[in-house]
Amino acid sequence: MICNTGRFKLLQYLKKMCNNQLHFILMQKLITLYSMTPHETWMKYALREAERALDQNEVPVGCIIVRDNKIIGKGYNQNVTLKDPTAHAEIIAITAAAAKLQSKFLEECTLYVTLEPCAMCAGAIVLAKIPALVFGAFDPKAGACGTLYTITEDARLNHRVHTIGGVLDAECGALLRDFFLVKRNGGRQEY
């Protein structure tokens, strides 16, 4: 991983050495990729899933499940498309990962999601015995993993999930804010 000072110096050097703008942009993207933490790198994949939701006029939340450095399940919100209130990104990803592993327990996995899970999804994460959860934006209206409730770390339950929030918070939050801004200003609405 490259520190910010080293990244800046490297970018300055590359700007002098690159013979065209496209080459410089490609090198800049590569440096950015290598300067991210592993959690940020995986969250970028979850953001791709959120963009798929956005393309279908769904609330842009995306989720991936990783085991042994491989994505074994992924999903994005599909409540409107499937006409199913439980079709949250996390539920779809958990179902896909469980099918892949042929197990109801997703031990040795990490779930990455762009928005703090709601109570339903937090409960599903606990029931699947997923050991680690990493989320992007905090959800002040429905967040159940630290904001309104702490379901994933509740000692009264039979399983607790190590929970990390705020990874790429600005990027994840901006996607949601922009989506709802368009909705408020008369954009496509199917609810």
C-alpha atoms as a PDB file:
ATOM      1  CA  MET A   1       0.000   0.000   0.000  1.00  0.00           C
ATOM      2  CA  ILE A   2       1.263   3.480  -0.904  1.00  0.00           C
ATOM      3  CA  CYS A   3       0.949   6.375   1.571  1.00  0.00           C
ATOM      4  CA  ASN A   4      -0.615   9.641   0.393  1.00  0.00           C
ATOM      5  CA  THR A   5       2.721  11.509   0.255  1.00  0.00           C
ATOM      6  CA  GLY A   6       4.310   8.727  -1.776  1.00  0.00           C
ATOM      7  CA  ARG A   7       1.261   8.618  -4.044  1.00  0.00           C
ATOM      8  CA  PHE A   8       1.479  12.370  -4.715  1.00  0.00           C
ATOM      9  CA  LYS A   9       5.212  12.192  -5.548  1.00  0.00           C
ATOM     10  CA  LEU A  10       4.655   9.182  -7.807  1.00  0.00           C
ATOM     11  CA  LEU A  11       1.832  10.956  -9.652  1.00  0.00           C
ATOM     12  CA  GLN A  12       4.041  14.030 -10.197  1.00  0.00           C
ATOM     13  CA  TYR A  13       6.814  11.828 -11.599  1.00  0.00           C
ATOM     14  CA  LEU A  14       4.390   9.944 -13.866  1.00  0.00           C
ATOM     15  CA  LYS A  15       2.925  13.188 -15.188  1.00  0.00           C
ATOM     16  CA  LYS A  16       6.413  14.147 -16.423  1.00  0.00           C
ATOM     17  CA  MET A  17       7.158  10.677 -17.830  1.00  0.00           C
ATOM     18  CA  CYS A  18       3.847   9.771 -19.513  1.00  0.00           C
ATOM     19  CA  ASN A  19       3.768  10.666 -23.198  1.00  0.00           C
ATOM     20  CA  ASN A  20      -0.002  11.076 -23.403  1.00  0.00           C
ATOM     21  CA  GLN A  21      -2.998  11.865 -21.213  1.00  0.00           C
ATOM     22  CA  LEU A  22      -4.617   8.408 -21.557  1.00  0.00           C
ATOM     23  CA  HIS A  23      -1.451   6.669 -20.360  1.00  0.00           C
ATOM     24  CA  PHE A  24      -1.285   9.021 -17.369  1.00  0.00           C
ATOM     25  CA  ILE A  25      -4.953   8.397 -16.476  1.00  0.00           C
ATOM     26  CA  LEU A  26      -4.434   4.626 -16.607  1.00  0.00           C
ATOM     27  CA  MET A  27      -1.364   4.866 -14.392  1.00  0.00           C
ATOM     28  CA  GLN A  28      -3.243   7.138 -11.970  1.00  0.00           C
ATOM     29  CA  LYS A  29      -6.065   4.569 -11.652  1.00  0.00           C
ATOM     30  CA  LEU A  30      -3.530   1.817 -11.001  1.00  0.00           C
ATOM     31  CA  ILE A  31      -1.864   3.837  -8.245  1.00  0.00           C
ATOM     32  CA  THR A  32      -5.245   4.603  -6.675  1.00  0.00           C
ATOM     33  CA  LEU A  33      -6.071   0.892  -6.698  1.00  0.00           C
ATOM     34  CA  TYR A  34      -2.818   0.037  -4.930  1.00  0.00           C
ATOM     35  CA  SER A  35      -3.239   2.825  -2.361  1.00  0.00           C
ATOM     36  CA  MET A  36      -6.620   1.497  -1.149  1.00  0.00           C
ATOM     37  CA  THR A  37      -7.024  -0.773   1.844  1.00  0.00           C
ATOM     38  CA  PRO A  38      -8.380  -4.293   1.202  1.00  0.00           C
ATOM     39  CA  HIS A  39     -11.756  -3.240   2.661  1.00  0.00           C
ATOM     40  CA  GLU A  40     -11.905  -0.264   0.279  1.00  0.00           C
ATOM     41  CA  THR A  41     -11.004  -2.481  -2.671  1.00  0.00           C
ATOM     42  CA  TRP A  42     -13.813  -4.946  -1.894  1.00  0.00           C
ATOM     43  CA  MET A  43     -16.240  -2.088  -1.235  1.00  0.00           C
ATOM     44  CA  LYS A  44     -15.598  -0.885  -4.802  1.00  0.00           C
ATOM     45  CA  TYR A  45     -17.060  -4.212  -5.996  1.00  0.00           C
ATOM     46  CA  ALA A  46     -20.119  -3.639  -3.789  1.00  0.00           C
ATOM     47  CA  LEU A  47     -20.436  -0.158  -5.333  1.00  0.00           C
ATOM     48  CA  ARG A  48     -20.551  -1.775  -8.773  1.00  0.00           C
ATOM     49  CA  GLU A  49     -23.536  -3.815  -7.596  1.00  0.00           C
ATOM     50  CA  ALA A  50     -25.151  -0.614  -6.286  1.00  0.00           C
ATOM     51  CA  GLU A  51     -24.709   0.929  -9.731  1.00  0.00           C
ATOM     52  CA  ARG A  52     -26.557  -2.056 -11.215  1.00  0.00           C
ATOM     53  CA  ALA A  53     -29.466  -1.250  -8.885  1.00  0.00           C
ATOM     54  CA  LEU A  54     -29.341   2.380  -9.984  1.00  0.00           C
ATOM     55  CA  ASP A  55     -29.510   1.300 -13.635  1.00  0.00           C
ATOM     56  CA  GLN A  56     -32.798  -0.479 -12.808  1.00  0.00           C
ATOM     57  CA  ASN A  57     -34.243   2.492 -10.905  1.00  0.00           C
ATOM     58  CA  GLU A  58     -33.807   0.688  -7.584  1.00  0.00           C
ATOM     59  CA  VAL A  59     -32.408   2.223  -4.408  1.00  0.00           C
ATOM     60  CA  PRO A  60     -28.655   1.917  -5.119  1.00  0.00           C
ATOM     61  CA  VAL A  61     -27.422  -0.538  -2.508  1.00  0.00           C
ATOM     62  CA  GLY A  62     -24.964  -3.251  -3.476  1.00  0.00           C
ATOM     63  CA  CYS A  63     -23.482  -6.175  -1.592  1.00  0.00           C
ATOM     64  CA  ILE A  64     -20.794  -8.815  -2.070  1.00  0.00           C
ATOM     65  CA  ILE A  65     -19.666 -11.723   0.103  1.00  0.00           C
ATOM     66  CA  VAL A  66     -16.002 -12.676   0.060  1.00  0.00           C
ATOM     67  CA  ARG A  67     -14.342 -15.919   1.140  1.00  0.00           C
ATOM     68  CA  ASP A  68     -10.689 -16.791   0.510  1.00  0.00           C
ATOM     69  CA  ASN A  69     -10.262 -13.576  -1.518  1.00  0.00           C
ATOM     70  CA  LYS A  70     -13.037 -14.556  -3.950  1.00  0.00           C
ATOM     71  CA  ILE A  71     -16.525 -13.161  -4.356  1.00  0.00           C
ATOM     72  CA  ILE A  72     -18.910 -16.035  -3.643  1.00  0.00           C
ATOM     73  CA  GLY A  73     -22.154 -14.064  -3.583  1.00  0.00           C
ATOM     74  CA  LYS A  74     -23.352 -10.696  -4.773  1.00  0.00           C
ATOM     75  CA  GLY A  75     -26.581  -8.780  -4.987  1.00  0.00           C
ATOM     76  CA  TYR A  76     -28.209  -5.413  -5.339  1.00  0.00           C
ATOM     77  CA  ASN A  77     -31.575  -4.049  -4.251  1.00  0.00           C
ATOM     78  CA  GLN A  78     -34.416  -5.451  -6.360  1.00  0.00           C
ATOM     79  CA  ASN A  79     -37.506  -4.567  -4.293  1.00  0.00           C
ATOM     80  CA  VAL A  80     -39.263  -2.802  -7.169  1.00  0.00           C
ATOM     81  CA  THR A  81     -38.224  -5.224  -9.928  1.00  0.00           C
ATOM     82  CA  LEU A  82     -39.198  -8.347  -7.992  1.00  0.00           C
ATOM     83  CA  LYS A  83     -42.090  -6.665  -6.155  1.00  0.00           C
ATOM     84  CA  ASP A  84     -40.625  -8.162  -2.995  1.00  0.00           C
ATOM     85  CA  PRO A  85     -39.995  -6.108   0.171  1.00  0.00           C
ATOM     86  CA  THR A  86     -37.307  -8.606   1.268  1.00  0.00           C
ATOM     87  CA  ALA A  87     -35.255  -8.321  -1.942  1.00  0.00           C
ATOM     88  CA  HIS A  88     -32.496  -6.289  -0.304  1.00  0.00           C
ATOM     89  CA  ALA A  89     -28.929  -6.540  -1.618  1.00  0.00           C
ATOM     90  CA  GLU A  90     -27.755  -8.408   1.493  1.00  0.00           C
ATOM     91  CA  ILE A  91     -30.511 -11.033   1.348  1.00  0.00           C
ATOM     92  CA  ILE A  92     -29.836 -11.714  -2.338  1.00  0.00           C
ATOM     93  CA  ALA A  93     -26.072 -11.971  -1.744  1.00  0.00           C
ATOM     94  CA  ILE A  94     -26.509 -14.257   1.298  1.00  0.00           C
ATOM     95  CA  THR A  95     -28.807 -16.542  -0.697  1.00  0.00           C
ATOM     96  CA  ALA A  96     -26.289 -16.706  -3.566  1.00  0.00           C
ATOM     97  CA  ALA A  97     -23.344 -17.404  -1.241  1.00  0.00           C
ATOM     98  CA  ALA A  98     -25.248 -20.079   0.689  1.00  0.00           C
ATOM     99  CA  ALA A  99     -26.125 -21.791  -2.602  1.00  0.00           C
ATOM    100  CA  LYS A 100     -22.486 -21.592  -3.733  1.00  0.00           C
ATOM    101  CA  LEU A 101     -21.216 -23.113  -0.464  1.00  0.00           C
ATOM    102  CA  GLN A 102     -24.238 -25.424  -0.116  1.00  0.00           C
ATOM    103  CA  SER A 103     -24.483 -24.372   3.512  1.00  0.00           C
ATOM    104  CA  LYS A 104     -26.780 -22.179   5.571  1.00  0.00           C
ATOM    105  CA  PHE A 105     -23.747 -20.921   7.493  1.00  0.00           C
ATOM    106  CA  LEU A 106     -21.310 -18.535   5.832  1.00  0.00           C
ATOM    107  CA  GLU A 107     -18.379 -18.983   8.173  1.00  0.00           C
ATOM    108  CA  GLU A 108     -14.993 -17.563   7.119  1.00  0.00           C
ATOM    109  CA  CYS A 109     -16.786 -14.953   4.972  1.00  0.00           C
ATOM    110  CA  THR A 110     -16.930 -11.172   4.993  1.00  0.00           C
ATOM    111  CA  LEU A 111     -20.008  -9.298   3.796  1.00  0.00           C
ATOM    112  CA  TYR A 112     -19.465  -5.886   2.167  1.00  0.00           C
ATOM    113  CA  VAL A 113     -22.474  -3.624   1.640  1.00  0.00           C
ATOM    114  CA  THR A 114     -22.711   0.014   0.594  1.00  0.00           C
ATOM    115  CA  LEU A 115     -25.337   0.978   3.215  1.00  0.00           C
ATOM    116  CA  GLU A 116     -25.615   0.007   6.872  1.00  0.00           C
ATOM    117  CA  PRO A 117     -27.951  -3.020   7.015  1.00  0.00           C
ATOM    118  CA  CYS A 118     -31.527  -2.695   8.264  1.00  0.00           C
ATOM    119  CA  ALA A 119     -32.922  -4.892  11.061  1.00  0.00           C
ATOM    120  CA  MET A 120     -34.045  -7.619   8.631  1.00  0.00           C
ATOM    121  CA  CYS A 121     -30.667  -7.840   6.919  1.00  0.00           C
ATOM    122  CA  ALA A 122     -28.721  -7.597  10.190  1.00  0.00           C
ATOM    123  CA  GLY A 123     -30.772 -10.516  11.496  1.00  0.00           C
ATOM    124  CA  ALA A 124     -30.033 -12.539   8.356  1.00  0.00           C
ATOM    125  CA  ILE A 125     -26.311 -11.790   8.714  1.00  0.00           C
ATOM    126  CA  VAL A 126     -26.382 -13.062  12.312  1.00  0.00           C
ATOM    127  CA  LEU A 127     -28.390 -16.170  11.357  1.00  0.00           C
ATOM    128  CA  ALA A 128     -25.947 -16.956   8.529  1.00  0.00           C
ATOM    129  CA  LYS A 129     -23.128 -16.745  11.114  1.00  0.00           C
ATOM    130  CA  ILE A 130     -21.108 -14.398   8.940  1.00  0.00           C
ATOM    131  CA  PRO A 131     -18.101 -13.420  11.076  1.00  0.00           C
ATOM    132  CA  ALA A 132     -17.417  -9.974   9.570  1.00  0.00           C
ATOM    133  CA  LEU A 133     -19.509  -7.148   8.137  1.00  0.00           C
ATOM    134  CA  VAL A 134     -18.110  -4.047   6.421  1.00  0.00           C
ATOM    135  CA  PHE A 135     -20.502  -1.316   5.355  1.00  0.00           C
ATOM    136  CA  GLY A 136     -20.151   2.044   3.645  1.00  0.00           C
ATOM    137  CA  ALA A 137     -22.671   4.743   4.495  1.00  0.00           C
ATOM    138  CA  PHE A 138     -24.386   4.925   7.876  1.00  0.00           C
ATOM    139  CA  ASP A 139     -28.199   4.835   7.735  1.00  0.00           C
ATOM    140  CA  PRO A 140     -29.748   7.287  10.236  1.00  0.00           C
ATOM    141  CA  LYS A 141     -33.304   6.115   9.423  1.00  0.00           C
ATOM    142  CA  ALA A 142     -32.991   2.314   9.448  1.00  0.00           C
ATOM    143  CA  GLY A 143     -29.415   1.347  10.350  1.00  0.00           C
ATOM    144  CA  ALA A 144     -29.343  -1.665  12.651  1.00  0.00           C
ATOM    145  CA  CYS A 145     -25.588  -2.219  12.916  1.00  0.00           C
ATOM    146  CA  GLY A 146     -24.619   0.700  15.107  1.00  0.00           C
ATOM    147  CA  THR A 147     -26.882   3.645  14.304  1.00  0.00           C
ATOM    148  CA  LEU A 148     -30.353   2.790  15.651  1.00  0.00           C
ATOM    149  CA  TYR A 149     -29.633  -0.754  16.869  1.00  0.00           C
ATOM    150  CA  THR A 150     -26.579  -2.974  17.220  1.00  0.00           C
ATOM    151  CA  ILE A 151     -28.079  -6.304  16.174  1.00  0.00           C
ATOM    152  CA  THR A 152     -24.838  -7.667  14.717  1.00  0.00           C
ATOM    153  CA  GLU A 153     -22.960  -7.155  17.982  1.00  0.00           C
ATOM    154  CA  ASP A 154     -25.764  -7.866  20.475  1.00  0.00           C
ATOM    155  CA  ALA A 155     -24.391 -10.162  23.206  1.00  0.00           C
ATOM    156  CA  ARG A 156     -27.871 -11.584  23.810  1.00  0.00           C
ATOM    157  CA  LEU A 157     -27.830 -13.325  20.427  1.00  0.00           C
ATOM    158  CA  ASN A 158     -26.146 -16.649  19.691  1.00  0.00           C
ATOM    159  CA  HIS A 159     -23.672 -15.118  17.203  1.00  0.00           C
ATOM    160  CA  ARG A 160     -21.928 -11.776  16.995  1.00  0.00           C
ATOM    161  CA  VAL A 161     -20.506 -10.179  13.870  1.00  0.00           C
ATOM    162  CA  HIS A 162     -17.377  -8.039  13.842  1.00  0.00           C
ATOM    163  CA  THR A 163     -18.765  -4.839  12.296  1.00  0.00           C
ATOM    164  CA  ILE A 164     -16.841  -2.041  10.568  1.00  0.00           C
ATOM    165  CA  GLY A 165     -18.754   0.984   9.282  1.00  0.00           C
ATOM    166  CA  GLY A 166     -17.873   4.005   7.200  1.00  0.00           C
ATOM    167  CA  VAL A 167     -15.669   2.364   4.546  1.00  0.00           C
ATOM    168  CA  LEU A 168     -15.863   4.610   1.453  1.00  0.00           C
ATOM    169  CA  ASP A 169     -18.676   6.391   3.295  1.00  0.00           C
ATOM    170  CA  ALA A 170     -18.557   9.484   1.075  1.00  0.00           C
ATOM    171  CA  GLU A 171     -18.746   7.505  -2.172  1.00  0.00           C
ATOM    172  CA  CYS A 172     -21.498   5.188  -0.950  1.00  0.00           C
ATOM    173  CA  GLY A 173     -23.491   8.034   0.569  1.00  0.00           C
ATOM    174  CA  ALA A 174     -23.175  10.226  -2.542  1.00  0.00           C
ATOM    175  CA  LEU A 175     -24.715   7.516  -4.721  1.00  0.00           C
ATOM    176  CA  LEU A 176     -27.735   7.320  -2.405  1.00  0.00           C
ATOM    177  CA  ARG A 177     -28.064  11.109  -1.974  1.00  0.00           C
ATOM    178  CA  ASP A 178     -27.964  11.672  -5.735  1.00  0.00           C
ATOM    179  CA  PHE A 179     -30.580   8.952  -6.312  1.00  0.00           C
ATOM    180  CA  PHE A 180     -33.016  10.459  -3.799  1.00  0.00           C
ATOM    181  CA  LEU A 181     -32.351  14.002  -5.046  1.00  0.00           C
ATOM    182  CA  VAL A 182     -33.426  12.923  -8.537  1.00  0.00           C
ATOM    183  CA  LYS A 183     -36.528  11.237  -7.053  1.00  0.00           C
ATOM    184  CA  ARG A 184     -37.477  14.373  -5.116  1.00  0.00           C
ATOM    185  CA  ASN A 185     -37.064  16.474  -8.256  1.00  0.00           C
ATOM    186  CA  GLY A 186     -39.419  14.355 -10.349  1.00  0.00           C
ATOM    187  CA  GLY A 187     -37.095  11.679 -11.733  1.00  0.00           C
ATOM    188  CA  ARG A 188     -38.304   8.169 -12.565  1.00  0.00           C
ATOM    189  CA  GLN A 189     -40.426   6.825  -9.742  1.00  0.00           C
ATOM    190  CA  GLU A 190     -41.970   3.376  -9.571  1.00  0.00           C
ATOM    191  CA  TYR A 191     -42.800   3.004  -5.878  1.00  0.00           C
END
